[in-house]
Protein backbone atom coordinates (compact mmCIF):
# COMPACT_ATOMS: atom_id res chain seq x y z
CA MET A 1 88.03 -29.28 75.22
CA LYS A 2 86.59 -28.47 71.80
CA LYS A 3 87.46 -25.12 70.25
CA ASN A 4 84.68 -22.66 69.51
CA GLU A 5 84.03 -22.97 65.80
CA HIS A 6 82.90 -19.30 65.63
CA GLN A 7 86.11 -17.93 67.17
CA PRO A 8 88.11 -16.06 64.50
CA HIS A 9 91.41 -17.63 63.56
CA ILE A 10 94.32 -15.19 63.94
CA THR A 11 97.34 -15.97 61.82
CA ARG A 12 100.91 -15.30 62.78
CA TYR A 13 101.16 -12.43 60.27
CA GLN A 14 98.10 -10.78 61.70
CA LYS A 15 99.66 -10.93 65.14
CA TYR A 16 102.75 -9.20 63.78
CA LEU A 17 100.59 -6.57 62.10
CA TYR A 18 98.64 -5.88 65.28
CA ALA A 19 101.86 -5.62 67.23
CA LEU A 20 103.32 -3.19 64.68
CA LEU A 21 100.22 -0.98 64.77
CA SER A 22 100.29 -0.98 68.57
CA VAL A 23 103.94 0.08 68.55
CA ILE A 24 103.22 2.88 66.05
CA CYS A 25 100.28 4.17 68.08
CA CYS A 26 102.27 4.11 71.30
CA THR A 27 105.21 5.83 69.62
CA VAL A 28 102.97 8.57 68.23
CA MET A 29 101.37 9.08 71.64
CA VAL A 30 104.76 9.37 73.32
CA LEU A 31 106.07 11.75 70.67
CA ASN A 32 102.95 13.91 71.00
CA LEU A 33 103.67 14.20 74.70
CA ILE A 34 107.39 14.94 74.21
CA ILE A 35 107.34 17.33 71.24
CA PRO A 36 106.35 20.90 72.22
CA ASP A 37 102.99 22.13 71.00
CA SER A 38 102.90 24.42 67.97
CA VAL A 39 101.36 27.84 68.35
CA ARG A 40 100.46 28.41 64.71
CA SER A 41 100.00 26.39 61.54
CA GLU A 42 101.85 27.87 58.59
CA VAL A 43 100.01 25.56 56.21
CA GLU A 44 96.58 26.72 57.34
CA ASN A 45 97.72 30.20 58.39
CA ARG A 46 95.83 30.12 61.68
CA PRO A 47 96.57 29.74 65.40
CA LEU A 48 96.36 26.22 66.83
CA ALA A 49 94.46 25.17 69.93
CA GLY A 50 96.46 24.85 73.14
CA PHE A 51 96.00 22.42 76.02
CA PRO A 52 92.70 23.40 77.71
CA ALA A 53 92.56 24.54 81.34
CA LEU A 54 90.84 22.01 83.57
CA SER A 55 87.93 23.26 85.67
CA ILE A 56 84.81 21.76 87.25
CA SER A 57 82.50 24.06 85.28
CA ALA A 58 84.19 23.11 81.98
CA LEU A 59 83.83 19.41 82.81
CA GLN A 60 80.19 19.72 83.77
CA SER A 61 79.23 21.73 80.71
CA GLY A 62 81.12 19.48 78.31
CA ARG A 63 83.23 22.39 77.12
CA TYR A 64 86.43 20.73 78.29
CA ALA A 65 85.81 17.65 76.12
CA ASP A 66 85.31 19.85 73.03
CA GLN A 67 88.42 21.87 73.77
CA PHE A 68 90.49 18.76 74.35
CA GLU A 69 89.28 17.30 71.04
CA ASP A 70 90.34 20.50 69.24
CA TYR A 71 93.71 20.34 70.99
CA VAL A 72 94.39 16.74 69.95
CA SER A 73 93.30 17.47 66.38
CA ASP A 74 95.50 20.57 66.07
CA GLN A 75 98.60 19.19 67.81
CA PHE A 76 98.58 15.68 66.32
CA LEU A 77 101.99 14.60 65.05
CA GLY A 78 102.31 14.92 61.26
CA ARG A 79 99.08 16.89 60.98
CA ASN A 80 100.28 19.03 58.06
CA THR A 81 101.21 15.94 56.05
CA LEU A 82 97.86 14.32 56.76
CA PHE A 83 96.15 17.59 55.79
CA HIS A 84 97.68 17.43 52.31
CA VAL A 85 97.01 13.69 52.02
CA ASN A 86 93.35 14.32 52.82
CA TYR A 87 93.15 16.88 49.97
CA LEU A 88 94.71 14.47 47.46
CA PHE A 89 92.45 11.63 48.55
CA ARG A 90 89.30 13.74 48.18
CA ARG A 91 90.41 15.03 44.81
CA LEU A 92 91.12 11.53 43.52
CA CYS A 93 87.73 10.39 44.74
CA GLY A 94 86.07 13.05 42.62
CA GLN A 95 84.97 15.33 45.45
CA ARG A 96 84.11 18.79 44.15
CA GLU A 97 84.10 20.91 47.28
CA ILE A 98 85.89 21.28 50.63
CA ASP A 99 84.61 23.80 53.18
CA ASP A 100 82.77 25.97 50.59
CA VAL A 101 85.78 25.92 48.27
CA TYR A 102 85.35 24.33 44.85
CA LEU A 103 88.18 22.17 43.55
CA GLY A 104 88.18 23.62 40.05
CA LYS A 105 90.29 23.29 36.93
CA ASN A 106 93.78 24.21 38.04
CA ALA A 107 92.22 26.62 40.51
CA LEU A 108 90.34 26.85 43.78
CA LEU A 109 87.18 28.96 43.70
CA GLN A 110 85.21 30.21 46.70
CA ASN A 111 81.48 29.51 46.69
CA PRO A 112 79.73 32.93 46.80
CA SER A 113 77.94 33.74 50.04
CA THR A 114 74.19 34.03 50.34
CA PRO A 115 73.11 37.57 51.34
CA ALA A 116 72.16 37.87 55.01
CA ASP A 117 68.51 38.68 55.75
CA ASP A 118 67.69 42.30 54.82
CA LEU A 119 71.40 43.21 54.94
CA LEU A 120 71.71 44.07 51.25
CA GLU A 121 68.69 46.39 51.39
CA GLY A 122 70.06 47.98 54.56
CA GLN A 123 73.47 48.58 52.98
CA ILE A 124 71.91 50.21 49.91
CA GLU A 125 69.59 52.43 51.96
CA THR A 126 72.40 53.53 54.28
CA ILE A 127 74.78 54.39 51.43
CA ASN A 128 72.09 56.42 49.65
CA GLU A 129 71.24 58.33 52.85
CA PHE A 130 74.89 58.95 53.73
CA VAL A 131 75.75 60.26 50.26
CA ASN A 132 72.64 62.46 50.26
CA LEU A 133 73.57 63.99 53.63
CA THR A 134 77.17 64.75 52.64
CA GLY A 135 76.23 66.05 49.20
CA LEU A 136 79.47 64.63 47.77
CA PRO A 137 79.85 62.72 44.47
CA ALA A 138 80.24 59.01 45.15
CA SER A 139 80.86 55.73 43.35
CA VAL A 140 80.28 52.10 44.40
CA LEU A 141 82.18 49.04 43.17
CA VAL A 142 81.33 45.56 44.47
CA ALA A 143 83.76 43.09 42.96
CA PRO A 144 82.33 39.74 41.81
CA SER A 145 84.07 36.50 42.78
CA ALA A 146 86.03 34.21 40.48
CA ALA A 147 83.17 31.68 40.59
CA ASN A 148 81.00 34.27 38.83
CA ILE A 149 83.49 35.52 36.23
CA GLN A 150 85.43 32.29 35.58
CA ALA A 151 82.53 29.86 35.89
CA ASP A 152 84.12 27.62 33.26
CA LYS A 153 86.74 26.64 35.87
CA LEU A 154 84.10 25.27 38.26
CA PRO A 155 83.64 21.50 38.59
CA LEU A 156 80.90 20.03 36.42
CA ASP A 157 77.41 20.93 37.70
CA ALA A 158 78.80 22.76 40.73
CA PRO A 159 75.88 24.49 42.51
CA ALA A 160 77.57 27.89 42.86
CA ALA A 161 75.38 30.57 44.46
CA ASP A 162 74.07 33.31 42.17
CA GLU A 163 75.72 36.72 42.51
CA ASN A 164 74.20 38.52 39.55
CA GLY A 165 70.72 38.85 41.05
CA PRO A 166 71.88 40.69 44.20
CA LEU A 167 74.38 42.75 42.18
CA ASP A 168 71.67 43.82 39.73
CA GLN A 169 69.49 44.82 42.68
CA LEU A 170 72.38 46.79 44.19
CA TYR A 171 73.27 48.82 41.10
CA SER A 172 69.64 49.51 40.17
CA SER A 173 68.85 50.87 43.66
CA LEU A 174 71.87 53.10 44.26
CA ASN A 175 71.62 56.88 43.90
CA THR A 176 75.35 57.10 43.24
CA SER A 177 77.64 56.44 40.30
CA LYS A 178 78.00 52.71 39.62
CA ALA A 179 81.32 51.03 38.87
CA ASP A 180 79.93 47.70 37.65
CA VAL A 181 83.06 45.82 36.65
CA ARG A 182 81.44 42.50 35.70
CA GLN A 183 81.42 42.90 31.93
CA VAL A 184 85.02 44.15 31.78
CA LEU A 185 86.22 41.19 33.84
CA LYS A 186 84.25 38.75 31.70
CA ASP A 187 85.90 40.21 28.60
CA HIS A 188 89.26 39.28 30.17
CA LYS A 189 88.20 36.10 32.00
CA ASP A 190 90.90 33.99 30.32
CA GLU A 191 93.61 36.26 31.71
CA TYR A 192 95.29 36.00 35.11
CA ILE A 193 92.74 38.21 36.91
CA TYR A 194 92.11 36.00 39.98
CA TYR A 195 94.56 34.05 42.12
CA ARG A 196 94.35 30.27 41.89
CA THR A 197 94.79 29.73 45.63
CA ASP A 198 93.26 32.90 47.07
CA HIS A 199 89.86 34.65 47.00
CA HIS A 200 91.26 38.04 45.92
CA TRP A 201 91.71 39.33 42.42
CA THR A 202 95.27 39.77 41.13
CA SER A 203 96.92 43.10 40.34
CA LEU A 204 95.75 42.66 36.74
CA GLY A 205 92.14 42.15 37.83
CA ALA A 206 92.51 45.12 40.18
CA LYS A 207 93.77 47.25 37.26
CA TYR A 208 90.60 46.56 35.29
CA GLY A 209 88.58 47.37 38.41
CA ALA A 210 90.49 50.63 38.94
CA GLN A 211 89.80 51.71 35.35
CA VAL A 212 86.06 51.29 35.77
CA PHE A 213 86.14 52.92 39.22
CA LEU A 214 88.02 56.01 38.00
CA ASP A 215 85.89 56.22 34.87
CA SER A 216 82.79 56.52 37.06
CA TYR A 217 84.35 59.77 38.39
CA GLY A 218 85.09 61.01 34.88
CA ILE A 219 88.82 60.28 35.30
CA THR A 220 90.60 58.52 32.44
CA MET A 221 93.32 56.07 33.51
CA ASN A 222 96.10 55.01 31.16
CA PRO A 223 97.02 51.36 31.95
CA ASP A 224 100.42 51.83 30.31
CA ASP A 225 101.39 54.32 33.02
CA PHE A 226 102.02 51.45 35.46
CA GLU A 227 104.80 48.88 35.68
CA ASN A 228 104.42 45.13 36.36
CA LEU A 229 107.03 43.91 38.84
CA LYS A 230 106.90 40.29 40.01
CA VAL A 231 107.76 40.06 43.70
CA SER A 232 106.74 36.45 44.46
CA ASP A 233 105.98 33.14 42.73
CA THR A 234 105.30 31.10 45.90
CA PHE A 235 102.05 32.64 47.15
CA GLU A 236 99.52 30.19 48.65
CA GLY A 237 96.41 32.05 49.70
CA THR A 238 93.35 31.61 51.89
CA LEU A 239 91.72 28.92 49.75
CA ALA A 240 94.85 26.78 49.85
CA ASN A 241 94.88 27.21 53.62
CA LYS A 242 91.32 25.88 53.90
CA THR A 243 91.75 22.87 51.63
CA GLY A 244 95.40 21.81 52.04
CA SER A 245 95.88 21.92 48.26
CA VAL A 246 98.99 20.47 46.68
CA GLY A 247 100.73 21.66 43.51
CA LEU A 248 99.08 25.10 43.28
CA CYS A 249 100.73 28.47 43.92
CA ASP A 250 100.49 32.03 42.61
CA ASP A 251 102.57 34.93 41.37
CA ILE A 252 102.27 38.39 42.92
CA TYR A 253 102.93 41.59 40.97
CA ILE A 254 103.15 45.12 42.28
CA CYS A 255 102.39 47.99 39.88
CA PRO A 256 103.83 51.39 40.81
CA ASP A 257 103.21 54.21 38.36
CA LYS A 258 106.03 55.08 35.96
CA TYR A 259 105.95 58.74 36.98
CA GLN A 260 106.97 57.73 40.50
CA THR A 261 104.35 59.84 42.25
CA GLU A 262 105.69 60.75 45.69
CA TYR A 263 103.48 60.23 48.71
CA LEU A 264 103.48 59.83 52.48
CA VAL A 265 101.51 57.09 54.24
CA THR A 266 100.24 57.59 57.80
CA TRP A 267 99.24 54.24 59.26
CA ASN A 268 96.58 53.55 61.86
CA ASP A 269 99.12 53.54 64.71
CA GLY A 270 100.49 56.95 63.70
CA SER A 271 103.69 55.68 62.07
CA LYS A 272 104.67 57.04 58.64
CA THR A 273 106.32 55.52 55.56
CA THR A 274 106.88 56.52 51.95
CA SER A 275 105.54 53.28 50.44
CA ILE A 276 102.21 51.44 50.42
CA TYR A 277 104.04 48.14 49.87
CA ASN A 278 104.95 45.97 52.85
CA GLN A 279 107.99 44.06 51.59
CA GLU A 280 108.31 42.07 54.83
CA ALA A 281 105.03 40.27 54.09
CA LEU A 282 106.76 38.37 51.28
CA ASP A 283 108.73 36.46 53.91
CA HIS A 284 105.57 35.24 55.65
CA LYS A 285 102.60 33.03 54.84
CA ASP A 286 100.09 35.75 53.92
CA GLN A 287 101.99 37.40 51.10
CA TYR A 288 98.92 39.35 49.95
CA GLN A 289 99.73 41.72 52.82
CA VAL A 290 102.42 43.18 50.58
CA PHE A 291 99.56 45.48 49.52
CA LEU A 292 98.97 47.99 52.33
CA GLY A 293 99.97 45.52 55.07
CA ALA A 294 97.48 43.97 57.46
CA ASN A 295 93.94 45.34 57.48
CA GLN A 296 93.71 48.59 59.48
CA GLY A 297 90.91 50.93 60.46
CA LEU A 298 92.28 54.14 58.89
CA VAL A 299 95.18 54.87 56.56
CA HIS A 300 95.93 58.34 55.17
CA ILE A 301 97.91 58.68 51.94
CA GLU A 302 99.05 62.21 51.08
CA THR A 303 100.46 62.52 47.55
CA LEU A 304 102.24 65.20 45.56
CA SER A 305 99.77 64.72 42.72
CA SER A 306 98.65 67.83 40.86
CA SER A 307 95.03 66.87 41.59
CA ASN A 308 92.93 68.82 44.09
CA GLU A 309 90.61 65.88 44.77
CA ASN A 310 90.47 64.24 48.23
CA LEU A 311 88.98 60.75 48.30
CA LEU A 312 87.39 59.01 51.29
CA LEU A 313 87.43 55.31 50.39
CA PHE A 314 85.44 52.74 52.37
CA LYS A 315 86.81 49.31 51.55
CA ASP A 316 87.75 45.75 52.42
CA SER A 317 90.93 43.91 51.41
CA TYR A 318 89.84 43.79 47.74
CA ALA A 319 90.79 47.47 47.49
CA ASN A 320 94.31 46.98 48.83
CA ASP A 321 95.85 46.27 45.42
CA VAL A 322 93.55 48.81 43.69
CA ILE A 323 94.97 51.75 45.64
CA GLN A 324 98.30 51.58 43.78
CA TYR A 325 96.40 52.68 40.65
CA LEU A 326 94.65 55.61 42.40
CA LEU A 327 97.71 57.45 43.70
CA PRO A 328 98.35 59.70 40.65
CA TYR A 329 94.74 60.92 40.56
CA PHE A 330 94.11 62.18 44.11
CA ARG A 331 95.84 64.63 46.40
CA ASN A 332 94.72 62.79 49.54
CA ILE A 333 93.24 59.33 49.99
CA TYR A 334 91.66 58.39 53.32
CA VAL A 335 91.25 54.60 53.44
CA VAL A 336 88.68 53.31 55.96
CA ASP A 337 88.10 49.61 56.61
CA PRO A 338 84.79 49.56 58.54
CA ARG A 339 85.59 46.17 60.10
CA TYR A 340 88.42 47.75 62.11
CA PHE A 341 87.30 51.40 62.34
CA TYR A 342 86.00 52.40 65.78
CA GLU A 343 86.20 56.19 65.57
CA ASP A 344 83.71 58.88 64.47
CA ILE A 345 83.60 59.16 60.67
CA ASN A 346 82.58 62.81 61.03
CA PHE A 347 86.11 63.66 62.15
CA VAL A 348 87.53 62.25 58.91
CA LEU A 349 84.96 64.12 56.83
CA ALA A 350 85.69 67.40 58.59
CA ALA A 351 89.48 67.15 58.79
CA GLY A 352 90.08 65.72 55.34
CA ASN A 353 88.27 68.32 53.23
CA ILE A 354 86.75 65.39 51.34
CA THR A 355 85.62 66.02 47.75
CA ARG A 356 84.66 62.47 46.68
CA LEU A 357 83.38 59.28 48.31
CA GLY A 358 84.20 55.73 47.22
CA PHE A 359 82.94 52.29 48.24
CA LEU A 360 84.97 49.27 47.10
CA PHE A 361 84.17 45.82 48.50
CA SER A 362 84.15 42.18 47.53
CA TYR A 363 80.75 40.63 46.97
CA ASN A 364 81.04 38.19 49.89
CA ASN A 365 81.85 40.88 52.45
CA PHE A 366 79.29 43.35 51.17
CA VAL A 367 76.34 40.95 51.49
CA THR A 368 77.33 39.39 54.84
CA ASP A 369 79.12 42.04 56.93
CA SER A 370 77.21 44.97 58.48
CA SER A 371 80.22 47.01 59.65
CA LEU A 372 79.93 49.51 56.76
CA ARG A 373 76.34 50.27 57.69
CA ASP A 374 77.33 50.73 61.34
CA VAL A 375 80.07 53.24 60.51
CA LEU A 376 77.91 55.28 58.15
CA GLN A 377 75.11 55.43 60.73
CA THR A 378 77.37 57.61 62.90
CA ARG A 379 76.99 60.47 60.44
CA ILE A 380 73.33 59.81 59.74
CA LEU A 381 72.34 59.76 63.41
CA GLN A 382 74.21 63.01 64.08
CA GLU A 383 72.44 64.72 61.20
CA LYS A 384 69.09 63.54 62.52
CA ALA A 385 69.99 64.78 66.02
CA ASP A 386 70.99 68.19 64.64
CA LEU A 387 67.73 68.38 62.69
CA THR A 388 65.74 67.54 65.83
CA ASN A 389 67.56 70.26 67.79
CA GLU A 390 66.87 72.82 65.05
CA THR A 391 63.19 71.91 65.07
CA ALA A 392 63.06 72.30 68.85
CA ASP A 393 64.79 75.70 68.62
CA ASP A 394 62.32 76.88 65.98
CA ALA A 395 59.40 75.78 68.17
CA ALA A 396 60.84 77.65 71.14
CA SER A 397 61.27 80.79 69.02
CA SER A 398 57.65 80.57 67.87
CA GLU A 399 56.39 80.38 71.47
CA ALA A 400 58.43 83.44 72.46
CA ALA A 401 57.21 85.49 69.48
CA PRO A 402 54.09 87.20 71.17
CA GLU A 403 56.25 89.22 73.59
CA PRO A 404 57.85 91.33 70.87
CA GLU A 405 54.36 91.94 69.41
CA ALA A 406 53.13 93.23 72.79
CA GLU A 407 56.13 95.52 72.94
CA ASN A 408 55.29 96.77 69.46
CA GLU A 409 51.71 97.47 70.52
CA GLU A 410 52.94 99.42 73.55
CA GLN A 411 55.35 101.34 71.35
CA SER A 412 52.49 102.04 68.88
CA ALA A 413 50.18 103.28 71.66
CA SER A 414 52.94 105.45 73.05
CA SER A 415 53.55 106.84 69.58
CA GLU A 416 49.86 107.64 69.15
CA GLN A 417 49.76 109.42 72.52
CA SER A 418 52.82 111.40 71.54
CA GLN A 419 51.24 112.36 68.24
CA GLU A 420 48.02 113.47 70.02
CA SER A 421 50.06 115.53 72.49
CA GLN A 422 52.00 117.12 69.66
CA SER A 423 48.70 117.87 67.85
CA ALA A 424 47.19 119.51 70.93
CA SER A 425 50.31 121.56 71.47
CA THR A 426 50.21 122.65 67.87
CA SER A 427 46.57 123.76 68.24
CA GLU A 428 47.40 125.78 71.35
CA ASN A 429 50.27 127.42 69.57
CA ASP A 430 48.05 128.27 66.61
CA ALA A 431 45.43 129.78 68.93
CA SER A 432 48.06 131.79 70.75
CA SER A 433 49.45 133.02 67.48
CA ALA A 434 45.99 134.06 66.30
CA SER A 435 45.33 135.92 69.55
CA LYS A 436 48.64 137.72 69.27
CA GLN A 437 47.83 138.65 65.71
CA ASP A 438 44.37 140.06 66.69
CA SER A 439 45.95 142.07 69.51
CA THR A 440 48.49 143.54 67.14
CA GLU A 441 45.82 144.51 64.65
CA ASP A 442 43.71 146.18 67.41
CA SER A 443 46.73 148.11 68.62
CA ALA A 444 47.50 149.34 65.13
CA GLN A 445 43.90 150.45 64.54
CA SER A 446 43.88 152.34 67.87
CA SER A 447 47.05 154.12 66.93
CA VAL A 448 45.60 155.26 63.62
CA GLU A 449 42.47 156.60 65.32
CA THR A 450 44.59 158.49 67.82
CA GLU A 451 46.67 160.02 65.06
CA THR A 452 43.44 161.11 63.20
CA GLU A 453 41.98 162.75 66.29
CA SER A 454 45.27 164.60 66.87
CA GLU A 455 45.28 165.95 63.34
CA THR A 456 41.64 167.19 63.66
CA SER A 457 42.47 168.96 66.90
CA ASP A 458 45.42 170.75 65.30
CA GLN A 459 43.31 171.95 62.41
CA THR A 460 40.69 173.38 64.76
CA GLN A 461 43.31 175.26 66.71
CA ASN A 462 44.68 176.80 63.54
CA GLN A 463 41.28 177.97 62.42
CA ASP A 464 40.72 179.66 65.76
CA SER A 465 44.00 181.42 65.45
């Protein structure tokens, strides 16, 4: 029988290669079944998908297939190694971006977010209305991203989104003090003001931000009043987690003031400490949590500063390393993260004897997250409700007003009657008095006549005698 000329010829070496690949695949499959699943990826700093629960509804909807695909992808043997290999391969191939993160010059830079529809205008309007209702001095700082300030580190012709247009709109529309930190950061753009593997600014960048923020309140900050203590040189932040970068890490500095201002921190769960620094975070993946710990809804910092100012600070995580520079200048600092705050902001305003308001956010959060607007609306809606109730009370008072007028008319009529009665009585008295006077005069005249007649009679008698 003649062989098919189109049948591919398989060499002995190819057979060995196919056999080797089959053995490797089978081994990996067996190991994946034997090795326990991981709950969390330290490289990516996120929880991993677990084996999905089987159900008829999940099968019919196709949800089970998607969940199973996520499970296999997350629990695949050697995933962390392949994650790093993928980053190196893309970098060598000249790829500029992975998951909205630019692979820059010795740095990873987050692509700025595009403002959500009407959100920026809503944030501005709400802040203006809230500040107007409270009547308190306020300042707003929206921190630009590294892609804006250190644009020279971006890959060539990287299409980074524009931040300056929305920021110009923000600062021109606010009725508060503006802490526009862009120019100061650009003056120091060659310094270590942003992390290379994380989207936050460093303690040095935060120091420049704190200077501008305090200056907007008329408070002068001396940068030399703070120490620089390195607490880590192995930090790999959120951008490294997204890309699987290799060979990049960061230093973390904490900067307590040299005067050692004493303070007490009350955390969201009610616990208290005497430090804003969470040293335990340095032993975990997210070392940035050394500043104020994990994000919380409300933190109260009571200091022994000589200041009488009490600050209510609305913020995201960009403010966490700024707060260390604010401690000497405020008696109380109430730190509210709107993303995790589910209480009534009126309670904080009333209980804290607040004298100043502050808003400190990163650009990306400010233009995409509406939680700040939602929290501020609590106060605004209450004020509007109180105003409506006052208007209703005034209207009710106006409707009830004729009754007192009727009473006044009755009182006036009664007064007139009384005056007429008094007048009549006075007339009667006058008449009576006149009558009495006439009677007296008549009596006196009669007496005189009698006396005259008596005298005449006596004279006659004498003459006769």
